[in-house]
N, C-alpha and C. Protein backbone atom coordinates (compact mmCIF):
# COMPACT_ATOMS: atom_id res chain seq x y z
N UNK A 1 179.93 107.09 259.64
CA UNK A 1 179.75 106.84 261.06
C UNK A 1 179.27 105.41 261.25
N UNK A 2 179.95 104.68 262.09
CA UNK A 2 179.59 103.29 262.39
C UNK A 2 178.92 103.25 263.76
N UNK A 3 177.67 102.78 263.79
CA UNK A 3 176.91 102.70 265.04
C UNK A 3 176.74 101.26 265.46
N UNK A 4 176.68 101.06 266.77
CA UNK A 4 176.32 99.75 267.29
C UNK A 4 174.90 99.44 266.86
N UNK A 5 174.56 98.17 266.74
CA UNK A 5 173.28 97.74 266.20
C UNK A 5 172.07 98.37 266.90
N UNK A 6 172.08 98.41 268.23
CA UNK A 6 170.91 98.89 268.98
C UNK A 6 171.02 100.36 269.41
N UNK A 7 171.99 101.08 268.90
CA UNK A 7 172.17 102.47 269.28
C UNK A 7 171.08 103.34 268.65
N UNK A 8 170.46 104.16 269.46
CA UNK A 8 169.49 105.14 268.97
C UNK A 8 170.26 106.39 268.57
N UNK A 9 169.89 106.95 267.43
CA UNK A 9 170.60 108.10 266.88
C UNK A 9 169.70 109.32 266.87
N UNK A 10 170.21 110.40 267.43
CA UNK A 10 169.53 111.70 267.44
C UNK A 10 170.31 112.64 266.53
N UNK A 11 169.59 113.37 265.69
CA UNK A 11 170.21 114.38 264.82
C UNK A 11 169.68 115.75 265.20
N UNK A 12 170.59 116.68 265.48
CA UNK A 12 170.22 118.04 265.87
C UNK A 12 170.70 119.01 264.80
N UNK A 13 169.80 119.89 264.42
CA UNK A 13 170.11 120.99 263.50
C UNK A 13 170.91 122.05 264.25
N UNK A 14 171.66 122.84 263.53
CA UNK A 14 172.47 123.90 264.15
C UNK A 14 171.75 125.25 264.13
N UNK A 15 171.64 125.88 262.95
CA UNK A 15 171.08 127.23 262.85
C UNK A 15 169.60 127.24 263.21
N UNK A 16 169.23 128.07 264.17
CA UNK A 16 167.83 128.21 264.56
C UNK A 16 167.37 127.15 265.54
N UNK A 17 168.17 126.13 265.76
CA UNK A 17 167.82 125.09 266.75
C UNK A 17 168.86 125.17 267.86
N UNK A 18 170.02 124.58 267.65
CA UNK A 18 171.08 124.64 268.66
C UNK A 18 171.39 126.10 269.02
N UNK A 19 171.43 126.98 268.02
CA UNK A 19 171.82 128.37 268.27
C UNK A 19 170.82 129.12 269.15
N UNK A 20 169.60 128.62 269.26
CA UNK A 20 168.60 129.28 270.10
C UNK A 20 168.91 129.14 271.58
N UNK A 21 169.58 128.06 271.97
CA UNK A 21 169.93 127.86 273.37
C UNK A 21 171.07 126.85 273.48
N UNK A 22 172.29 127.28 273.16
CA UNK A 22 173.42 126.36 273.23
C UNK A 22 173.56 125.68 274.60
N UNK A 23 173.31 126.42 275.65
CA UNK A 23 173.44 125.85 277.00
C UNK A 23 172.46 124.69 277.20
N UNK A 24 171.22 124.87 276.76
CA UNK A 24 170.22 123.81 276.85
C UNK A 24 170.64 122.59 276.03
N UNK A 25 171.05 122.83 274.78
CA UNK A 25 171.41 121.71 273.91
C UNK A 25 172.71 121.04 274.33
N UNK A 26 173.66 121.78 274.90
CA UNK A 26 174.86 121.14 275.43
C UNK A 26 174.48 120.17 276.54
N UNK A 27 173.58 120.60 277.41
CA UNK A 27 173.10 119.72 278.49
C UNK A 27 172.38 118.51 277.90
N UNK A 28 171.50 118.76 276.93
CA UNK A 28 170.74 117.68 276.30
C UNK A 28 171.67 116.66 275.65
N UNK A 29 172.65 117.13 274.90
CA UNK A 29 173.58 116.24 274.21
C UNK A 29 174.35 115.39 275.22
N UNK A 30 174.85 116.03 276.26
CA UNK A 30 175.60 115.32 277.29
C UNK A 30 174.73 114.25 277.94
N UNK A 31 173.50 114.61 278.31
CA UNK A 31 172.59 113.67 278.97
C UNK A 31 172.20 112.53 278.02
N UNK A 32 171.93 112.84 276.77
CA UNK A 32 171.57 111.82 275.79
C UNK A 32 172.70 110.80 275.65
N UNK A 33 173.93 111.28 275.58
CA UNK A 33 175.08 110.38 275.46
C UNK A 33 175.21 109.50 276.72
N UNK A 34 174.99 110.10 277.89
CA UNK A 34 175.04 109.33 279.14
C UNK A 34 174.01 108.21 279.14
N UNK A 35 172.89 108.44 278.48
CA UNK A 35 171.81 107.45 278.43
C UNK A 35 171.96 106.46 277.26
N UNK A 36 173.06 106.56 276.54
CA UNK A 36 173.35 105.57 275.50
C UNK A 36 172.97 105.97 274.09
N UNK A 37 172.55 107.20 273.89
CA UNK A 37 172.24 107.67 272.54
C UNK A 37 173.51 108.14 271.86
N UNK A 38 173.53 108.08 270.55
CA UNK A 38 174.53 108.77 269.75
C UNK A 38 173.87 110.03 269.24
N UNK A 39 174.63 111.12 269.21
CA UNK A 39 174.08 112.41 268.80
C UNK A 39 174.96 112.99 267.70
N UNK A 40 174.33 113.28 266.56
CA UNK A 40 175.04 113.92 265.46
C UNK A 40 174.41 115.28 265.20
N UNK A 41 175.13 116.10 264.49
CA UNK A 41 174.61 117.38 264.02
C UNK A 41 174.56 117.35 262.51
N UNK A 42 173.57 118.04 261.96
CA UNK A 42 173.50 118.19 260.51
C UNK A 42 173.03 119.62 260.21
N UNK A 43 173.81 120.30 259.42
CA UNK A 43 173.49 121.66 259.03
C UNK A 43 173.45 121.76 257.52
N UNK A 44 172.66 122.69 257.02
CA UNK A 44 172.61 122.91 255.57
C UNK A 44 173.77 123.79 255.10
N UNK A 45 174.59 124.21 256.01
CA UNK A 45 175.75 125.02 255.64
C UNK A 45 176.75 124.19 254.81
N UNK A 46 177.63 124.95 254.15
CA UNK A 46 178.81 124.35 253.54
C UNK A 46 179.90 124.29 254.61
N UNK A 47 180.80 123.35 254.48
CA UNK A 47 181.84 123.19 255.49
C UNK A 47 182.70 124.45 255.64
N UNK A 48 182.86 125.21 254.57
CA UNK A 48 183.68 126.43 254.66
C UNK A 48 182.96 127.57 255.39
N UNK A 49 181.72 127.34 255.81
CA UNK A 49 180.97 128.36 256.56
C UNK A 49 181.06 128.15 258.08
N UNK A 50 182.01 127.36 258.50
CA UNK A 50 182.16 127.07 259.92
C UNK A 50 182.71 128.29 260.65
N UNK A 51 182.21 128.50 261.87
CA UNK A 51 182.70 129.59 262.71
C UNK A 51 182.98 129.04 264.10
N UNK A 52 183.39 129.89 265.02
CA UNK A 52 183.77 129.45 266.36
C UNK A 52 182.62 128.74 267.09
N UNK A 53 181.41 129.28 266.99
CA UNK A 53 180.26 128.66 267.67
C UNK A 53 179.95 127.29 267.07
N UNK A 54 180.03 127.18 265.77
CA UNK A 54 179.77 125.90 265.11
C UNK A 54 180.86 124.89 265.48
N UNK A 55 182.07 125.35 265.66
CA UNK A 55 183.15 124.45 266.10
C UNK A 55 182.84 123.88 267.48
N UNK A 56 182.27 124.70 268.36
CA UNK A 56 181.87 124.20 269.68
C UNK A 56 180.82 123.10 269.54
N UNK A 57 179.80 123.34 268.71
CA UNK A 57 178.76 122.34 268.46
C UNK A 57 179.38 121.06 267.92
N UNK A 58 180.33 121.21 267.00
CA UNK A 58 181.01 120.06 266.41
C UNK A 58 181.72 119.23 267.49
N UNK A 59 182.27 119.89 268.50
CA UNK A 59 182.94 119.18 269.59
C UNK A 59 181.94 118.47 270.50
N UNK A 60 180.71 118.97 270.58
CA UNK A 60 179.70 118.38 271.46
C UNK A 60 179.11 117.10 270.87
N UNK A 61 178.86 117.09 269.56
CA UNK A 61 178.21 115.96 268.92
C UNK A 61 179.24 114.90 268.51
N UNK A 62 178.74 113.70 268.21
CA UNK A 62 179.64 112.62 267.80
C UNK A 62 180.20 112.87 266.40
N UNK A 63 179.39 113.43 265.54
CA UNK A 63 179.80 113.78 264.17
C UNK A 63 178.98 114.99 263.74
N UNK A 64 179.55 115.80 262.86
CA UNK A 64 178.82 116.93 262.28
C UNK A 64 178.85 116.78 260.77
N UNK A 65 177.68 116.91 260.15
CA UNK A 65 177.54 116.75 258.71
C UNK A 65 177.06 118.06 258.09
N UNK A 66 177.61 118.37 256.93
CA UNK A 66 177.27 119.57 256.17
C UNK A 66 176.56 119.12 254.89
N UNK A 67 175.26 119.39 254.80
CA UNK A 67 174.51 118.90 253.63
C UNK A 67 174.65 119.82 252.42
N UNK A 68 175.27 120.95 252.59
CA UNK A 68 175.52 121.89 251.49
C UNK A 68 174.23 122.26 250.76
N UNK A 69 173.23 122.67 251.54
CA UNK A 69 171.92 123.15 251.07
C UNK A 69 171.01 122.03 250.53
N UNK A 70 171.44 120.78 250.70
CA UNK A 70 170.61 119.66 250.26
C UNK A 70 169.70 119.22 251.40
N UNK A 71 168.61 118.59 251.08
CA UNK A 71 167.68 118.05 252.08
C UNK A 71 168.46 117.11 253.00
N UNK A 72 168.34 117.35 254.30
CA UNK A 72 169.16 116.64 255.27
C UNK A 72 168.87 115.14 255.33
N UNK A 73 167.62 114.75 255.29
CA UNK A 73 167.28 113.34 255.40
C UNK A 73 167.87 112.55 254.23
N UNK A 74 167.66 113.04 253.03
CA UNK A 74 168.20 112.37 251.84
C UNK A 74 169.72 112.34 251.87
N UNK A 75 170.31 113.45 252.25
CA UNK A 75 171.77 113.54 252.33
C UNK A 75 172.32 112.48 253.29
N UNK A 76 171.75 112.39 254.49
CA UNK A 76 172.24 111.40 255.45
C UNK A 76 171.93 109.98 255.02
N UNK A 77 170.78 109.76 254.39
CA UNK A 77 170.47 108.41 253.89
C UNK A 77 171.51 107.94 252.88
N UNK A 78 171.99 108.86 252.04
CA UNK A 78 173.03 108.51 251.07
C UNK A 78 174.33 108.08 251.75
N UNK A 79 174.50 108.52 252.99
CA UNK A 79 175.67 108.12 253.79
C UNK A 79 175.35 106.92 254.68
N UNK A 80 174.15 106.36 254.48
CA UNK A 80 173.67 105.23 255.29
C UNK A 80 173.54 105.59 256.77
N UNK A 81 173.09 106.81 257.02
CA UNK A 81 172.85 107.29 258.38
C UNK A 81 171.37 107.61 258.49
N UNK A 82 170.72 106.98 259.46
CA UNK A 82 169.26 107.10 259.59
C UNK A 82 168.86 107.40 261.04
N UNK A 83 168.85 108.67 261.41
CA UNK A 83 168.45 109.02 262.78
C UNK A 83 167.01 108.58 263.09
N UNK A 84 166.79 108.15 264.31
CA UNK A 84 165.45 107.83 264.76
C UNK A 84 164.74 109.09 265.29
N UNK A 85 165.53 110.05 265.76
CA UNK A 85 164.99 111.28 266.33
C UNK A 85 165.65 112.47 265.65
N UNK A 86 164.81 113.39 265.16
CA UNK A 86 165.29 114.62 264.53
C UNK A 86 164.86 115.80 265.38
N UNK A 87 165.78 116.74 265.61
CA UNK A 87 165.43 117.98 266.31
C UNK A 87 165.83 119.12 265.38
N UNK A 88 164.82 119.79 264.83
CA UNK A 88 165.07 120.81 263.81
C UNK A 88 163.97 121.86 263.88
N UNK A 89 164.35 123.13 263.91
CA UNK A 89 163.36 124.20 263.98
C UNK A 89 162.58 124.36 262.69
N UNK A 90 163.12 123.84 261.59
CA UNK A 90 162.46 123.93 260.29
C UNK A 90 162.47 122.54 259.66
N UNK A 91 161.54 121.68 260.08
CA UNK A 91 161.58 120.28 259.63
C UNK A 91 161.44 120.08 258.13
N UNK A 92 160.90 121.05 257.40
CA UNK A 92 160.80 120.87 255.95
C UNK A 92 162.18 120.74 255.30
N UNK A 93 163.24 121.28 255.95
CA UNK A 93 164.59 121.16 255.40
C UNK A 93 165.11 119.73 255.47
N UNK A 94 164.40 118.86 256.17
CA UNK A 94 164.77 117.45 256.13
C UNK A 94 164.48 116.85 254.75
N UNK A 95 163.46 117.40 254.08
CA UNK A 95 162.93 116.82 252.85
C UNK A 95 163.12 117.66 251.60
N UNK A 96 163.47 118.94 251.76
CA UNK A 96 163.53 119.87 250.62
C UNK A 96 164.90 120.53 250.58
N UNK A 97 165.46 120.61 249.38
CA UNK A 97 166.72 121.34 249.19
C UNK A 97 166.48 122.83 249.36
N UNK A 98 167.49 123.53 249.83
CA UNK A 98 167.43 124.99 249.94
C UNK A 98 167.83 125.59 248.59
N UNK A 99 167.40 126.79 248.36
CA UNK A 99 167.75 127.46 247.09
C UNK A 99 169.15 127.99 247.16
């Protein structure tokens, strides 16, 4: 993902975060983009675990990343992606791999 120099990046988790209130997060994503933010999604799922609801989320965000049970922050850093704002119901998954 190539971002403009001054673009603020928001990363939203899917399971347990977006899924708790898709209507709220759809509104949030739309408003954030209107205000000049870029919004990505990052899930610990594998790409083959995508379903219809996750496809909707994928259409809402600028990019969707699948960390495949790896710590999200490290995974995105390896891709040279560094969100300034993280929205995640389980923030420890930013730093710890899942079993």
